[in-house]
C-alpha cells in the first residue's frame, strides 16, 4: 500500500487544501493529512478544531486520515511508512521554498519523494492567512473555504 503525507498547519483548511488532498487521494492508496502543532505559533483554531474541520471537509474520501504531529516532518513520514510527501504549489515563490524543503527532506531520507501538485488556478491566490484576514472583516467569499469552515471562522471572529 502506497501512503502519502500532506502536511500543513491548516489554520484553517481552505478550498485549495481540499483540492490538493482529494487529488492526492486519487494517486495514492492512503493519504495522511498531517496537521502541524507548533507550540511556538498561536493558531486561530486549536489542533482538535483543525482536525475536525479537515475531517468534515473530506467526508466521503475514504482513503484519507487526519493526524497531528509536532516535530520533524520526516519522522512522521517514516512512522506512517509514507513513500511521498505531497505539496501544493500556488506560485513560483511556493516552488522555491518547497524545492529547498524537498532537498532537505531528501538529504534526511532519500526513499521518501516529494510530489508537487499545482493548485487549481482559480484557487492560486488562496491561503489560510488571506482567508483569516478577510474573514476578520466579514468579507469572506464563499468559494475559498468549505461552508462549515466559513461558519467556524464567523464564530471565532464573533468572539473577538
Protein backbone atom coordinates (compact mmCIF):
# COMPACT_ATOMS: atom_id res chain seq x y z
CA UNK A 1 0.00 0.00 0.00
CA UNK A 2 1.43 3.38 -1.00
CA UNK A 3 0.91 6.08 1.60
CA UNK A 4 1.46 9.80 1.09
CA UNK A 5 1.60 12.61 3.62
CA UNK A 6 0.00 16.01 3.03
CA UNK A 7 1.46 18.24 5.76
CA UNK A 8 0.40 21.70 6.84
CA UNK A 9 -0.90 23.87 9.62
CA UNK A 10 -4.37 24.06 8.00
CA UNK A 11 -5.35 27.08 10.11
CA UNK A 12 -7.94 26.84 8.61
CA UNK A 13 -8.25 24.34 5.80
CA UNK A 14 -9.09 26.11 2.53
CA UNK A 15 -10.66 25.06 -0.77
CA UNK A 16 -7.11 24.87 -2.15
CA UNK A 17 -6.07 22.40 0.55
CA UNK A 18 -9.18 20.29 -0.06
CA UNK A 19 -8.44 20.22 -3.81
CA UNK A 20 -4.84 19.07 -3.29
CA UNK A 21 -5.79 16.41 -0.70
CA UNK A 22 -8.58 14.98 -2.86
CA UNK A 23 -6.28 14.84 -5.88
CA UNK A 24 -3.57 13.15 -3.80
CA UNK A 25 -6.18 10.60 -2.68
CA UNK A 26 -6.63 9.56 -6.33
CA UNK A 27 -2.88 8.97 -6.70
CA UNK A 28 -2.11 7.04 -3.51
CA UNK A 29 -3.70 4.14 -1.63
CA UNK A 30 -3.78 6.13 1.60
CA UNK A 31 -3.24 9.81 2.39
CA UNK A 32 -2.38 11.08 5.86
CA UNK A 33 -3.20 14.74 6.39
CA UNK A 34 -0.50 15.71 8.90
CA UNK A 35 -1.57 18.72 10.98
CA UNK A 36 1.40 20.61 12.39
CA UNK A 37 1.06 21.51 16.05
CA UNK A 38 3.76 24.11 16.55
CA UNK A 39 3.86 25.30 20.15
CA UNK A 40 5.71 28.47 19.05
CA UNK A 41 2.79 29.64 16.91
CA UNK A 42 -0.61 30.84 18.09
CA UNK A 43 -3.12 29.33 15.66
CA UNK A 44 -6.65 30.69 15.38
CA UNK A 45 -8.04 27.15 15.69
CA UNK A 46 -6.83 24.55 18.17
CA UNK A 47 -5.34 21.30 16.89
CA UNK A 48 -8.56 19.47 17.78
CA UNK A 49 -10.64 22.06 15.90
CA UNK A 50 -8.37 21.95 12.84
CA UNK A 51 -8.50 18.16 12.71
CA UNK A 52 -12.30 18.21 12.92
CA UNK A 53 -12.61 20.91 10.23
CA UNK A 54 -10.37 18.80 7.97
CA UNK A 55 -12.30 15.57 8.63
CA UNK A 56 -15.61 17.28 7.85
CA UNK A 57 -14.13 18.85 4.69
CA UNK A 58 -13.07 15.43 3.45
CA UNK A 59 -16.18 13.41 4.32
CA UNK A 60 -16.68 10.72 1.71
CA UNK A 61 -12.98 10.47 0.85
CA UNK A 62 -12.39 7.01 2.30
CA UNK A 63 -8.63 6.70 1.95
CA UNK A 64 -7.71 9.81 3.96
CA UNK A 65 -6.90 10.04 7.66
CA UNK A 66 -6.01 13.08 9.76
CA UNK A 67 -3.29 13.15 12.41
CA UNK A 68 -1.48 15.82 14.40
CA UNK A 69 2.29 15.99 14.65
CA UNK A 70 4.88 18.18 16.29
CA UNK A 71 8.46 17.89 15.20
CA UNK A 72 10.25 16.82 12.07
CA UNK A 73 8.06 16.04 9.08
CA UNK A 74 10.32 13.19 8.03
CA UNK A 75 9.79 11.49 11.39
CA UNK A 76 6.03 11.18 10.89
CA UNK A 77 6.59 10.26 7.23
CA UNK A 78 8.77 7.32 8.33
CA UNK A 79 6.35 6.43 11.13
CA UNK A 80 3.49 6.20 8.61
CA UNK A 81 5.63 4.35 6.02
CA UNK A 82 4.95 7.15 3.55
CA UNK A 83 6.52 6.90 0.12
CA UNK A 84 5.77 10.54 -0.67
CA UNK A 85 5.09 13.98 0.73
CA UNK A 86 2.55 15.89 -1.36
CA UNK A 87 2.81 19.67 -1.55
CA UNK A 88 0.54 22.07 -3.38
CA UNK A 89 2.15 24.85 -5.39
CA UNK A 90 0.37 28.16 -5.92
CA UNK A 91 3.25 30.19 -7.33
CA UNK A 92 6.93 30.32 -8.22
CA UNK A 93 7.58 31.57 -4.68
CA UNK A 94 5.95 28.41 -3.28
CA UNK A 95 8.10 26.30 -5.62
CA UNK A 96 11.36 27.92 -4.50
CA UNK A 97 10.56 27.34 -0.83
CA UNK A 98 9.18 23.82 -1.33
CA UNK A 99 12.09 22.78 -3.57
CA UNK A 100 14.53 23.74 -0.81
CA UNK A 101 12.46 21.81 1.75
CA UNK A 102 12.30 18.83 -0.60
CA UNK A 103 16.09 18.84 -0.94
CA UNK A 104 16.50 18.85 2.83
CA UNK A 105 13.98 16.03 3.20
CA UNK A 106 15.84 14.03 0.52
CA UNK A 107 19.07 14.51 2.47
CA UNK A 108 17.34 13.10 5.56
CA UNK A 109 15.68 10.16 3.79
CA UNK A 110 16.16 9.67 0.05
CA UNK A 111 13.50 6.94 -0.05
CA UNK A 112 10.67 9.44 0.54
CA UNK A 113 9.84 11.53 -2.52
CA UNK A 114 8.20 14.93 -2.70
CA UNK A 115 5.34 15.22 -5.18
CA UNK A 116 4.26 18.71 -6.25
CA UNK A 117 0.69 19.30 -7.38
CA UNK A 118 -0.17 22.61 -8.98
CA UNK A 119 -3.08 24.34 -7.29
CA UNK A 120 -6.24 24.87 -9.30
CA UNK A 121 -5.62 28.25 -10.99
CA UNK A 122 -8.93 29.57 -9.64
CA UNK A 123 -7.58 29.00 -6.12
CA UNK A 124 -3.96 30.06 -6.67
CA UNK A 125 -4.31 33.18 -4.53
CA UNK A 126 -5.97 31.42 -1.58
CA UNK A 127 -4.02 30.96 1.63
CA UNK A 128 -5.07 30.41 5.23
CA UNK A 129 -3.58 33.81 6.11
CA UNK A 130 -5.63 35.63 3.46
CA UNK A 131 -8.76 33.72 4.48
CA UNK A 132 -8.34 34.73 8.13
CA UNK A 133 -7.67 38.34 7.22
CA UNK A 134 -10.80 38.76 5.09
CA UNK A 135 -12.94 36.69 7.48
CA UNK A 136 -11.99 39.08 10.28
CA UNK A 137 -13.78 41.81 8.32
CA UNK A 138 -16.74 39.57 7.39
CA UNK A 139 -15.78 39.68 3.72
CA UNK A 140 -15.04 36.01 3.05
CA UNK A 141 -16.07 34.85 -0.46
CA UNK A 142 -17.95 31.55 -0.17
CA UNK A 143 -15.77 29.53 -2.53
CA UNK A 144 -12.49 29.99 -0.60
CA UNK A 145 -13.33 27.57 2.22
CA UNK A 146 -15.91 24.82 2.79
CA UNK A 147 -19.18 26.17 4.29
CA UNK A 148 -18.58 24.69 7.77
CA UNK A 149 -15.15 26.37 7.84
CA UNK A 150 -16.75 29.71 6.95
CA UNK A 151 -19.18 29.16 9.85
CA UNK A 152 -16.30 28.34 12.21
CA UNK A 153 -14.44 31.48 11.11
CA UNK A 154 -17.51 33.65 11.68
CA UNK A 155 -17.91 32.15 15.15
CA UNK A 156 -14.23 32.73 16.01
CA UNK A 157 -14.29 36.36 14.95
CA UNK A 158 -17.65 36.98 16.62
CA UNK A 159 -15.93 36.01 19.90
CA UNK A 160 -13.18 38.59 19.42
